[in-house]
Amino acid sequence: MIEALEPVAETVLQNGDVTEAPFLENEGAAAIAVGLSAIAAGYAERGIGAAAIGAIAEDDDLFVPGLIMTVLPETLVIFALVVVFII
């Protein structure tokens, strides 16, 4: 079974000649990393923000924990920006 898939794996992994230019340059890969991390952070904040507002409506003492939990996904974007500056 594995021997039958070997030509397919070579085609997919090498995409022709190994000496070809990469599909993405460093800057393109960094841009995709920042974009995807920003989308993921926004998706995470959507649920966390709704839960935090509901908790704050019930108890005002939960404002600070709700704020901290809402800000935590943004660290993902900050780490992605650090990668951009490293590249």
PDB file of N, CA and C in Angstrom:
ATOM      1  N   MET A   1       0.826  -1.195   0.000  1.00  0.00           N
ATOM      2  CA  MET A   1       0.000   0.000   0.000  1.00  0.00           C
ATOM      3  C   MET A   1       0.867   1.255   0.000  1.00  0.00           C
ATOM      4  N   ILE A   2       1.900   1.266   0.841  1.00  0.00           N
ATOM      5  CA  ILE A   2       2.758   2.448   0.935  1.00  0.00           C
ATOM      6  C   ILE A   2       3.555   2.643  -0.348  1.00  0.00           C
ATOM      7  N   GLU A   3       3.978   1.549  -0.967  1.00  0.00           N
ATOM      8  CA  GLU A   3       4.739   1.656  -2.212  1.00  0.00           C
ATOM      9  C   GLU A   3       3.890   2.263  -3.317  1.00  0.00           C
ATOM     10  N   ALA A   4       2.590   2.007  -3.303  1.00  0.00           N
ATOM     11  CA  ALA A   4       1.696   2.547  -4.328  1.00  0.00           C
ATOM     12  C   ALA A   4       1.529   4.050  -4.177  1.00  0.00           C
ATOM     13  N   LEU A   5       1.635   4.545  -2.964  1.00  0.00           N
ATOM     14  CA  LEU A   5       1.459   5.975  -2.716  1.00  0.00           C
ATOM     15  C   LEU A   5       2.753   6.764  -2.852  1.00  0.00           C
ATOM     16  N   GLU A   6       3.860   6.110  -3.010  1.00  0.00           N
ATOM     17  CA  GLU A   6       5.156   6.788  -3.061  1.00  0.00           C
ATOM     18  C   GLU A   6       5.258   7.800  -4.208  1.00  0.00           C
ATOM     19  N   PRO A   7       4.843   7.485  -5.447  1.00  0.00           N
ATOM     20  CA  PRO A   7       4.926   8.503  -6.510  1.00  0.00           C
ATOM     21  C   PRO A   7       4.033   9.706  -6.236  1.00  0.00           C
ATOM     22  N   VAL A   8       2.885   9.462  -5.630  1.00  0.00           N
ATOM     23  CA  VAL A   8       1.983  10.575  -5.300  1.00  0.00           C
ATOM     24  C   VAL A   8       2.614  11.459  -4.234  1.00  0.00           C
ATOM     25  N   ALA A   9       3.213  10.857  -3.223  1.00  0.00           N
ATOM     26  CA  ALA A   9       3.848  11.625  -2.156  1.00  0.00           C
ATOM     27  C   ALA A   9       5.009  12.456  -2.699  1.00  0.00           C
ATOM     28  N   GLU A  10       5.787  11.886  -3.615  1.00  0.00           N
ATOM     29  CA  GLU A  10       6.891  12.646  -4.200  1.00  0.00           C
ATOM     30  C   GLU A  10       6.377  13.840  -4.992  1.00  0.00           C
ATOM     31  N   THR A  11       5.298  13.653  -5.722  1.00  0.00           N
ATOM     32  CA  THR A  11       4.733  14.746  -6.511  1.00  0.00           C
ATOM     33  C   THR A  11       4.207  15.845  -5.608  1.00  0.00           C
ATOM     34  N   VAL A  12       3.517  15.470  -4.548  1.00  0.00           N
ATOM     35  CA  VAL A  12       2.932  16.462  -3.651  1.00  0.00           C
ATOM     36  C   VAL A  12       4.016  17.181  -2.861  1.00  0.00           C
ATOM     37  N   LEU A  13       4.967  16.447  -2.333  1.00  0.00           N
ATOM     38  CA  LEU A  13       5.980  17.056  -1.478  1.00  0.00           C
ATOM     39  C   LEU A  13       6.990  17.881  -2.266  1.00  0.00           C
ATOM     40  N   GLN A  14       7.376  17.430  -3.438  1.00  0.00           N
ATOM     41  CA  GLN A  14       8.411  18.132  -4.180  1.00  0.00           C
ATOM     42  C   GLN A  14       7.839  19.106  -5.189  1.00  0.00           C
ATOM     43  N   ASN A  15       6.633  18.870  -5.671  1.00  0.00           N
ATOM     44  CA  ASN A  15       5.996  19.730  -6.658  1.00  0.00           C
ATOM     45  C   ASN A  15       6.902  19.917  -7.867  1.00  0.00           C
ATOM     46  N   GLY A  16       7.399  18.822  -8.382  1.00  0.00           N
ATOM     47  CA  GLY A  16       8.286  18.907  -9.537  1.00  0.00           C
ATOM     48  C   GLY A  16       9.732  18.855  -9.093  1.00  0.00           C
ATOM     49  N   ASP A  17      10.513  19.772  -9.596  1.00  0.00           N
ATOM     50  CA  ASP A  17      11.938  19.810  -9.311  1.00  0.00           C
ATOM     51  C   ASP A  17      12.185  20.412  -7.930  1.00  0.00           C
ATOM     52  N   VAL A  18      13.127  19.856  -7.220  1.00  0.00           N
ATOM     53  CA  VAL A  18      13.430  20.333  -5.868  1.00  0.00           C
ATOM     54  C   VAL A  18      14.086  21.708  -5.896  1.00  0.00           C
ATOM     55  N   THR A  19      14.702  22.081  -7.000  1.00  0.00           N
ATOM     56  CA  THR A  19      15.409  23.353  -7.069  1.00  0.00           C
ATOM     57  C   THR A  19      14.502  24.530  -7.395  1.00  0.00           C
ATOM     58  N   GLU A  20      13.192  24.321  -7.465  1.00  0.00           N
ATOM     59  CA  GLU A  20      12.266  25.418  -7.740  1.00  0.00           C
ATOM     60  C   GLU A  20      12.250  26.397  -6.577  1.00  0.00           C
ATOM     61  N   ALA A  21      11.843  27.629  -6.893  1.00  0.00           N
ATOM     62  CA  ALA A  21      11.708  28.645  -5.855  1.00  0.00           C
ATOM     63  C   ALA A  21      10.576  28.247  -4.910  1.00  0.00           C
ATOM     64  N   PRO A  22      10.647  28.637  -3.659  1.00  0.00           N
ATOM     65  CA  PRO A  22       9.566  28.285  -2.735  1.00  0.00           C
ATOM     66  C   PRO A  22       8.268  28.990  -3.123  1.00  0.00           C
ATOM     67  N   PHE A  23       7.188  28.371  -2.753  1.00  0.00           N
ATOM     68  CA  PHE A  23       5.878  28.929  -3.069  1.00  0.00           C
ATOM     69  C   PHE A  23       5.680  30.273  -2.380  1.00  0.00           C
ATOM     70  N   LEU A  24       6.135  30.388  -1.147  1.00  0.00           N
ATOM     71  CA  LEU A  24       6.020  31.630  -0.387  1.00  0.00           C
ATOM     72  C   LEU A  24       7.403  32.097   0.040  1.00  0.00           C
ATOM     73  N   GLU A  25       7.632  33.364  -0.091  1.00  0.00           N
ATOM     74  CA  GLU A  25       8.847  33.946   0.462  1.00  0.00           C
ATOM     75  C   GLU A  25       8.635  34.172   1.957  1.00  0.00           C
ATOM     76  N   ASN A  26       9.667  34.598   2.647  1.00  0.00           N
ATOM     77  CA  ASN A  26       9.568  34.815   4.090  1.00  0.00           C
ATOM     78  C   ASN A  26       8.519  35.862   4.440  1.00  0.00           C
ATOM     79  N   GLU A  27       8.472  36.933   3.668  1.00  0.00           N
ATOM     80  CA  GLU A  27       7.530  38.010   3.959  1.00  0.00           C
ATOM     81  C   GLU A  27       6.087  37.553   3.762  1.00  0.00           C
ATOM     82  N   GLY A  28       5.856  36.746   2.735  1.00  0.00           N
ATOM     83  CA  GLY A  28       4.504  36.238   2.499  1.00  0.00           C
ATOM     84  C   GLY A  28       4.046  35.303   3.600  1.00  0.00           C
ATOM     85  N   ALA A  29       4.950  34.456   4.057  1.00  0.00           N
ATOM     86  CA  ALA A  29       4.613  33.546   5.149  1.00  0.00           C
ATOM     87  C   ALA A  29       4.336  34.314   6.439  1.00  0.00           C
ATOM     88  N   ALA A  30       5.105  35.376   6.685  1.00  0.00           N
ATOM     89  CA  ALA A  30       4.875  36.191   7.874  1.00  0.00           C
ATOM     90  C   ALA A  30       3.534  36.915   7.785  1.00  0.00           C
ATOM     91  N   ALA A  31       3.172  37.393   6.594  1.00  0.00           N
ATOM     92  CA  ALA A  31       1.889  38.067   6.423  1.00  0.00           C
ATOM     93  C   ALA A  31       0.730  37.115   6.663  1.00  0.00           C
ATOM     94  N   ILE A  32       0.859  35.894   6.179  1.00  0.00           N
ATOM     95  CA  ILE A  32      -0.197  34.900   6.420  1.00  0.00           C
ATOM     96  C   ILE A  32      -0.280  34.575   7.905  1.00  0.00           C
ATOM     97  N   ALA A  33       0.857  34.489   8.578  1.00  0.00           N
ATOM     98  CA  ALA A  33       0.856  34.187  10.011  1.00  0.00           C
ATOM     99  C   ALA A  33       0.147  35.277  10.805  1.00  0.00           C
ATOM    100  N   VAL A  34       0.404  36.529  10.476  1.00  0.00           N
ATOM    101  CA  VAL A  34      -0.250  37.632  11.193  1.00  0.00           C
ATOM    102  C   VAL A  34      -1.740  37.644  10.884  1.00  0.00           C
ATOM    103  N   GLY A  35      -2.090  37.458   9.627  1.00  0.00           N
ATOM    104  CA  GLY A  35      -3.501  37.475   9.257  1.00  0.00           C
ATOM    105  C   GLY A  35      -4.296  36.373   9.918  1.00  0.00           C
ATOM    106  N   LEU A  36      -3.763  35.161   9.887  1.00  0.00           N
ATOM    107  CA  LEU A  36      -4.474  34.050  10.506  1.00  0.00           C
ATOM    108  C   LEU A  36      -4.544  34.183  12.024  1.00  0.00           C
ATOM    109  N   SER A  37      -3.503  34.712  12.634  1.00  0.00           N
ATOM    110  CA  SER A  37      -3.551  34.886  14.086  1.00  0.00           C
ATOM    111  C   SER A  37      -4.540  35.979  14.474  1.00  0.00           C
ATOM    112  N   ALA A  38      -4.671  37.010  13.651  1.00  0.00           N
ATOM    113  CA  ALA A  38      -5.650  38.062  13.940  1.00  0.00           C
ATOM    114  C   ALA A  38      -7.072  37.518  13.805  1.00  0.00           C
ATOM    115  N   ILE A  39      -7.313  36.690  12.798  1.00  0.00           N
ATOM    116  CA  ILE A  39      -8.638  36.084  12.638  1.00  0.00           C
ATOM    117  C   ILE A  39      -8.943  35.162  13.819  1.00  0.00           C
ATOM    118  N   ALA A  40      -7.951  34.381  14.233  1.00  0.00           N
ATOM    119  CA  ALA A  40      -8.152  33.470  15.365  1.00  0.00           C
ATOM    120  C   ALA A  40      -8.403  34.239  16.662  1.00  0.00           C
ATOM    121  N   ALA A  41      -7.685  35.339  16.856  1.00  0.00           N
ATOM    122  CA  ALA A  41      -7.893  36.142  18.062  1.00  0.00           C
ATOM    123  C   ALA A  41      -9.285  36.772  18.057  1.00  0.00           C
ATOM    124  N   GLY A  42      -9.724  37.250  16.910  1.00  0.00           N
ATOM    125  CA  GLY A  42     -11.070  37.811  16.823  1.00  0.00           C
ATOM    126  C   GLY A  42     -12.146  36.771  17.092  1.00  0.00           C
ATOM    127  N   TYR A  43     -11.941  35.568  16.580  1.00  0.00           N
ATOM    128  CA  TYR A  43     -12.888  34.480  16.814  1.00  0.00           C
ATOM    129  C   TYR A  43     -12.940  34.122  18.302  1.00  0.00           C
ATOM    130  N   ALA A  44     -11.788  34.091  18.951  1.00  0.00           N
ATOM    131  CA  ALA A  44     -11.747  33.765  20.375  1.00  0.00           C
ATOM    132  C   ALA A  44     -12.387  34.870  21.209  1.00  0.00           C
ATOM    133  N   GLU A  45     -12.123  36.116  20.831  1.00  0.00           N
ATOM    134  CA  GLU A  45     -12.680  37.238  21.601  1.00  0.00           C
ATOM    135  C   GLU A  45     -14.190  37.329  21.471  1.00  0.00           C
ATOM    136  N   ARG A  46     -14.727  36.820  20.378  1.00  0.00           N
ATOM    137  CA  ARG A  46     -16.175  36.842  20.187  1.00  0.00           C
ATOM    138  C   ARG A  46     -16.873  36.082  21.305  1.00  0.00           C
ATOM    139  N   GLY A  47     -16.423  34.883  21.568  1.00  0.00           N
ATOM    140  CA  GLY A  47     -17.044  34.085  22.619  1.00  0.00           C
ATOM    141  C   GLY A  47     -16.704  34.567  24.019  1.00  0.00           C
ATOM    142  N   ILE A  48     -15.461  34.949  24.197  1.00  0.00           N
ATOM    143  CA  ILE A  48     -15.038  35.406  25.525  1.00  0.00           C
ATOM    144  C   ILE A  48     -15.734  36.710  25.888  1.00  0.00           C
ATOM    145  N   GLY A  49     -15.839  37.617  24.917  1.00  0.00           N
ATOM    146  CA  GLY A  49     -16.484  38.907  25.191  1.00  0.00           C
ATOM    147  C   GLY A  49     -17.951  38.746  25.550  1.00  0.00           C
ATOM    148  N   ALA A  50     -18.645  37.872  24.840  1.00  0.00           N
ATOM    149  CA  ALA A  50     -20.059  37.649  25.148  1.00  0.00           C
ATOM    150  C   ALA A  50     -20.226  37.056  26.542  1.00  0.00           C
ATOM    151  N   ALA A  51     -19.363  36.103  26.892  1.00  0.00           N
ATOM    152  CA  ALA A  51     -19.445  35.506  28.223  1.00  0.00           C
ATOM    153  C   ALA A  51     -19.073  36.512  29.309  1.00  0.00           C
ATOM    154  N   ALA A  52     -18.096  37.361  29.032  1.00  0.00           N
ATOM    155  CA  ALA A  52     -17.676  38.357  30.024  1.00  0.00           C
ATOM    156  C   ALA A  52     -18.778  39.382  30.271  1.00  0.00           C
ATOM    157  N   ILE A  53     -19.442  39.821  29.205  1.00  0.00           N
ATOM    158  CA  ILE A  53     -20.537  40.780  29.387  1.00  0.00           C
ATOM    159  C   ILE A  53     -21.672  40.161  30.188  1.00  0.00           C
ATOM    160  N   GLY A  54     -21.980  38.903  29.912  1.00  0.00           N
ATOM    161  CA  GLY A  54     -23.014  38.221  30.687  1.00  0.00           C
ATOM    162  C   GLY A  54     -22.634  38.084  32.152  1.00  0.00           C
ATOM    163  N   ALA A  55     -21.381  37.780  32.417  1.00  0.00           N
ATOM    164  CA  ALA A  55     -20.930  37.638  33.804  1.00  0.00           C
ATOM    165  C   ALA A  55     -20.930  38.986  34.515  1.00  0.00           C
ATOM    166  N   ILE A  56     -20.530  40.040  33.812  1.00  0.00           N
ATOM    167  CA  ILE A  56     -20.504  41.376  34.427  1.00  0.00           C
ATOM    168  C   ILE A  56     -21.928  41.854  34.711  1.00  0.00           C
ATOM    169  N   ALA A  57     -22.868  41.476  33.852  1.00  0.00           N
ATOM    170  CA  ALA A  57     -24.259  41.856  34.098  1.00  0.00           C
ATOM    171  C   ALA A  57     -24.794  41.210  35.368  1.00  0.00           C
ATOM    172  N   GLU A  58     -24.301  40.023  35.672  1.00  0.00           N
ATOM    173  CA  GLU A  58     -24.729  39.333  36.888  1.00  0.00           C
ATOM    174  C   GLU A  58     -24.011  39.848  38.128  1.00  0.00           C
ATOM    175  N   ASP A  59     -22.704  40.117  37.994  1.00  0.00           N
ATOM    176  CA  ASP A  59     -21.893  40.503  39.151  1.00  0.00           C
ATOM    177  C   ASP A  59     -20.845  41.508  38.700  1.00  0.00           C
ATOM    178  N   ASP A  60     -20.896  42.721  39.243  1.00  0.00           N
ATOM    179  CA  ASP A  60     -19.961  43.782  38.842  1.00  0.00           C
ATOM    180  C   ASP A  60     -18.517  43.490  39.235  1.00  0.00           C
ATOM    181  N   ASP A  61     -18.306  42.614  40.190  1.00  0.00           N
ATOM    182  CA  ASP A  61     -16.940  42.288  40.625  1.00  0.00           C
ATOM    183  C   ASP A  61     -16.168  41.491  39.575  1.00  0.00           C
ATOM    184  N   LEU A  62     -16.822  40.993  38.549  1.00  0.00           N
ATOM    185  CA  LEU A  62     -16.174  40.197  37.519  1.00  0.00           C
ATOM    186  C   LEU A  62     -15.657  41.034  36.348  1.00  0.00           C
ATOM    187  N   PHE A  63     -15.649  42.365  36.512  1.00  0.00           N
ATOM    188  CA  PHE A  63     -15.189  43.223  35.418  1.00  0.00           C
ATOM    189  C   PHE A  63     -13.706  42.990  35.095  1.00  0.00           C
ATOM    190  N   VAL A  64     -12.851  43.005  36.099  1.00  0.00           N
ATOM    191  CA  VAL A  64     -11.411  42.850  35.865  1.00  0.00           C
ATOM    192  C   VAL A  64     -11.075  41.458  35.317  1.00  0.00           C
ATOM    193  N   PRO A  65     -11.584  40.371  35.890  1.00  0.00           N
ATOM    194  CA  PRO A  65     -11.294  39.066  35.272  1.00  0.00           C
ATOM    195  C   PRO A  65     -11.833  38.958  33.841  1.00  0.00           C
ATOM    196  N   GLY A  66     -13.001  39.550  33.597  1.00  0.00           N
ATOM    197  CA  GLY A  66     -13.554  39.531  32.248  1.00  0.00           C
ATOM    198  C   GLY A  66     -12.700  40.319  31.280  1.00  0.00           C
ATOM    199  N   LEU A  67     -12.179  41.440  31.716  1.00  0.00           N
ATOM    200  CA  LEU A  67     -11.304  42.259  30.874  1.00  0.00           C
ATOM    201  C   LEU A  67     -10.004  41.520  30.572  1.00  0.00           C
ATOM    202  N   ILE A  68      -9.432  40.887  31.579  1.00  0.00           N
ATOM    203  CA  ILE A  68      -8.180  40.147  31.380  1.00  0.00           C
ATOM    204  C   ILE A  68      -8.398  38.983  30.416  1.00  0.00           C
ATOM    205  N   MET A  69      -9.493  38.253  30.576  1.00  0.00           N
ATOM    206  CA  MET A  69      -9.764  37.125  29.680  1.00  0.00           C
ATOM    207  C   MET A  69     -10.040  37.598  28.255  1.00  0.00           C
ATOM    208  N   THR A  70     -10.593  38.785  28.093  1.00  0.00           N
ATOM    209  CA  THR A  70     -10.857  39.309  26.754  1.00  0.00           C
ATOM    210  C   THR A  70      -9.569  39.736  26.072  1.00  0.00           C
ATOM    211  N   VAL A  71      -8.604  40.210  26.824  1.00  0.00           N
ATOM    212  CA  VAL A  71      -7.352  40.713  26.247  1.00  0.00           C
ATOM    213  C   VAL A  71      -6.372  39.573  25.938  1.00  0.00           C
ATOM    214  N   LEU A  72      -6.485  38.435  26.589  1.00  0.00           N
ATOM    215  CA  LEU A  72      -5.522  37.341  26.413  1.00  0.00           C
ATOM    216  C   LEU A  72      -5.353  36.869  24.967  1.00  0.00           C
ATOM    217  N   PRO A  73      -6.403  36.728  24.160  1.00  0.00           N
ATOM    218  CA  PRO A  73      -6.175  36.277  22.782  1.00  0.00           C
ATOM    219  C   PRO A  73      -5.361  37.262  21.942  1.00  0.00           C
ATOM    220  N   GLU A  74      -5.320  38.507  22.320  1.00  0.00           N
ATOM    221  CA  GLU A  74      -4.535  39.483  21.566  1.00  0.00           C
ATOM    222  C   GLU A  74      -3.037  39.207  21.664  1.00  0.00           C
ATOM    223  N   THR A  75      -2.613  38.470  22.678  1.00  0.00           N
ATOM    224  CA  THR A  75      -1.192  38.131  22.765  1.00  0.00           C
ATOM    225  C   THR A  75      -0.768  37.262  21.590  1.00  0.00           C
ATOM    226  N   LEU A  76      -1.707  36.513  21.033  1.00  0.00           N
ATOM    227  CA  LEU A  76      -1.422  35.712  19.847  1.00  0.00           C
ATOM    228  C   LEU A  76      -0.992  36.597  18.684  1.00  0.00           C
ATOM    229  N   VAL A  77      -1.669  37.712  18.493  1.00  0.00           N
ATOM    230  CA  VAL A  77      -1.320  38.640  17.424  1.00  0.00           C
ATOM    231  C   VAL A  77       0.011  39.326  17.728  1.00  0.00           C
ATOM    232  N   ILE A  78       0.254  39.636  18.976  1.00  0.00           N
ATOM    233  CA  ILE A  78       1.525  40.263  19.346  1.00  0.00           C
ATOM    234  C   ILE A  78       2.678  39.328  19.062  1.00  0.00           C
ATOM    235  N   PHE A  79       2.523  38.038  19.375  1.00  0.00           N
ATOM    236  CA  PHE A  79       3.573  37.073  19.066  1.00  0.00           C
ATOM    237  C   PHE A  79       3.786  36.946  17.566  1.00  0.00           C
ATOM    238  N   ALA A  80       2.727  37.014  16.780  1.00  0.00           N
ATOM    239  CA  ALA A  80       2.856  36.967  15.320  1.00  0.00           C
ATOM    240  C   ALA A  80       3.606  38.188  14.810  1.00  0.00           C
ATOM    241  N   LEU A  81       3.355  39.339  15.391  1.00  0.00           N
ATOM    242  CA  LEU A  81       4.084  40.543  14.984  1.00  0.00           C
ATOM    243  C   LEU A  81       5.564  40.452  15.353  1.00  0.00           C
ATOM    244  N   VAL A  82       5.862  39.806  16.458  1.00  0.00           N
ATOM    245  CA  VAL A  82       7.273  39.578  16.820  1.00  0.00           C
ATOM    246  C   VAL A  82       7.948  38.727  15.758  1.00  0.00           C
ATOM    247  N   VAL A  83       7.244  37.730  15.256  1.00  0.00           N
ATOM    248  CA  VAL A  83       7.801  36.901  14.178  1.00  0.00           C
ATOM    249  C   VAL A  83       8.071  37.730  12.946  1.00  0.00           C
ATOM    250  N   VAL A  84       7.171  38.663  12.619  1.00  0.00           N
ATOM    251  CA  VAL A  84       7.378  39.526  11.455  1.00  0.00           C
ATOM    252  C   VAL A  84       8.655  40.329  11.614  1.00  0.00           C
ATOM    253  N   PHE A  85       8.893  40.871  12.777  1.00  0.00           N
ATOM    254  CA  PHE A  85      10.086  41.686  12.971  1.00  0.00           C
ATOM    255  C   PHE A  85      11.357  40.831  13.018  1.00  0.00           C
ATOM    256  N   ILE A  86      11.239  39.577  13.410  1.00  0.00           N
ATOM    257  CA  ILE A  86      12.391  38.690  13.389  1.00  0.00           C
ATOM    258  C   ILE A  86      12.766  38.354  11.953  1.00  0.00           C
ATOM    259  N   ILE A  87      11.762  38.145  11.108  1.00  0.00           N
ATOM    260  CA  ILE A  87      12.020  37.817   9.701  1.00  0.00           C
ATOM    261  C   ILE A  87      12.427  39.069   8.990  1.00  0.00           C
TER     262      ILE A  87
END
